[in-house]
Amino acid sequence: MSNLTTDMQANLALFVEETQNTHTVWGLQTEEGWLSCDSTEFANSEVMPFWSTKEDAQTHNIEEWAEFEVVSIPLDVFIEDWLVTLDEDGVLIGPNWNQNLDGKEVEPADLVKMYL
């Protein structure tokens, strides 16, 4: 059962806490690349959603995202490589979006600070 709720700030905090405990981040990927979508908060911005548990990532592996595979990323690689590159590319992070795809859209640099 998912621990995600309608409280987007709590889901963000849970993302940081759980990924620190498991040292793993989960995302959705195909042969063409990782899942990304248009931002609902910022015009002309892209968001890449990630989850703190495999189960929560699998919840979204349906319908238009059914062709994606649930893939793990080691936390140290996510922080040191992914977040740096995504920040340079201007891509936002969508940590722990709930079943309704509600969630925060966070600057990668701001997410890095949450791990410090």
Protein backbone atom coordinates (compact mmCIF):
# COMPACT_ATOMS: atom_id res chain seq x y z
CA MET A 1 0.00 0.00 0.00
CA SER A 2 1.30 3.41 -0.94
CA ASN A 3 2.24 5.98 1.69
CA LEU A 4 1.58 8.81 -0.78
CA THR A 5 -1.25 11.21 0.01
CA THR A 6 -2.77 14.41 -1.35
CA ASP A 7 -0.24 16.39 0.73
CA MET A 8 2.39 17.20 -1.89
CA GLN A 9 4.88 18.60 0.63
CA ALA A 10 4.62 15.42 2.74
CA ASN A 11 5.17 13.29 -0.39
CA LEU A 12 8.29 15.31 -1.20
CA ALA A 13 9.63 14.82 2.35
CA LEU A 14 8.81 11.10 2.10
CA PHE A 15 10.74 10.90 -1.18
CA VAL A 16 13.88 12.28 0.45
CA GLU A 17 13.49 10.14 3.59
CA GLU A 18 12.78 6.85 1.82
CA THR A 19 15.46 7.28 -0.84
CA GLN A 20 18.01 8.04 1.87
CA ASN A 21 17.00 4.85 3.66
CA THR A 22 16.98 2.59 0.59
CA HIS A 23 19.67 4.41 -1.43
CA THR A 24 17.42 3.93 -4.47
CA VAL A 25 15.27 6.11 -6.71
CA TRP A 26 12.71 4.65 -9.14
CA GLY A 27 11.72 5.94 -12.56
CA LEU A 28 10.07 4.84 -15.79
CA GLN A 29 12.15 4.18 -18.91
CA THR A 30 11.77 2.88 -22.46
CA GLU A 31 14.39 2.22 -25.12
CA GLU A 32 13.85 5.82 -26.26
CA GLY A 33 14.59 7.28 -22.82
CA TRP A 34 13.18 8.22 -19.45
CA LEU A 35 9.65 9.41 -18.82
CA SER A 36 9.20 13.16 -18.91
CA CYS A 37 6.16 15.34 -19.35
CA ASP A 38 5.22 18.98 -19.65
CA SER A 39 5.16 21.02 -16.47
CA THR A 40 1.75 22.10 -15.21
CA GLU A 41 3.34 24.90 -13.19
CA PHE A 42 5.91 26.44 -15.54
CA ALA A 43 5.46 27.25 -19.23
CA ASN A 44 7.88 25.58 -21.63
CA SER A 45 9.32 23.37 -18.88
CA GLU A 46 9.75 19.63 -18.69
CA VAL A 47 9.37 17.44 -15.59
CA MET A 48 10.80 13.98 -14.95
CA PRO A 49 8.83 12.09 -12.30
CA PHE A 50 10.63 9.77 -9.87
CA TRP A 51 9.43 7.74 -6.90
CA SER A 52 10.93 6.50 -3.67
CA THR A 53 9.47 3.00 -3.98
CA LYS A 54 9.16 0.54 -6.82
CA GLU A 55 5.49 0.00 -5.95
CA ASP A 56 4.63 3.69 -6.36
CA ALA A 57 6.46 3.83 -9.69
CA GLN A 58 4.54 0.72 -10.84
CA THR A 59 1.25 2.46 -10.03
CA HIS A 60 1.95 4.76 -12.99
CA ASN A 61 3.15 2.03 -15.33
CA ILE A 62 -0.30 1.82 -16.99
CA GLU A 63 -2.29 3.26 -19.90
CA GLU A 64 -0.19 5.77 -21.86
CA TRP A 65 2.86 4.87 -19.76
CA ALA A 66 2.37 1.08 -19.98
CA GLU A 67 5.26 0.67 -22.43
CA PHE A 68 7.70 1.99 -19.83
CA GLU A 69 9.76 -0.25 -17.56
CA VAL A 70 10.18 0.48 -13.85
CA VAL A 71 13.92 1.01 -13.33
CA SER A 72 16.01 1.73 -10.25
CA ILE A 73 18.75 4.34 -9.99
CA PRO A 74 21.29 4.28 -7.14
CA LEU A 75 20.76 7.37 -4.97
CA ASP A 76 24.40 8.51 -5.19
CA VAL A 77 24.25 8.40 -9.02
CA PHE A 78 20.90 10.21 -8.96
CA ILE A 79 22.25 13.03 -6.79
CA GLU A 80 25.75 13.36 -8.25
CA ASP A 81 24.97 12.79 -11.93
CA TRP A 82 21.27 13.03 -12.71
CA LEU A 83 20.36 16.08 -10.67
CA VAL A 84 23.41 18.00 -11.87
CA THR A 85 22.70 17.22 -15.53
CA LEU A 86 18.96 17.85 -15.25
CA ASP A 87 19.65 21.17 -13.53
CA GLU A 88 21.96 22.18 -16.40
CA ASP A 89 19.27 21.14 -18.90
CA GLY A 90 16.53 23.06 -17.07
CA VAL A 91 14.46 19.94 -16.38
CA LEU A 92 12.38 19.83 -13.19
CA ILE A 93 11.97 16.80 -10.89
CA GLY A 94 8.57 15.38 -9.96
CA PRO A 95 9.24 13.50 -6.70
CA ASN A 96 6.63 11.00 -5.48
CA TRP A 97 3.66 12.08 -7.58
CA ASN A 98 0.61 10.37 -6.15
CA GLN A 99 -1.85 8.12 -7.96
CA ASN A 100 -3.62 11.19 -9.41
CA LEU A 101 -0.28 12.56 -10.71
CA ASP A 102 -0.43 15.36 -8.16
CA GLY A 103 2.91 16.42 -6.79
CA LYS A 104 5.60 19.01 -6.50
CA GLU A 105 7.74 20.17 -9.39
CA VAL A 106 11.17 20.83 -7.91
CA GLU A 107 14.34 22.40 -9.26
CA PRO A 108 17.07 19.71 -9.21
CA ALA A 109 19.42 22.01 -7.26
CA ASP A 110 16.75 22.47 -4.58
CA LEU A 111 16.33 18.70 -4.29
CA VAL A 112 20.09 18.29 -3.85
CA LYS A 113 19.94 20.71 -0.89
CA MET A 114 17.30 18.53 0.77
CA TYR A 115 19.84 15.69 0.90
CA LEU A 116 22.50 17.82 2.64
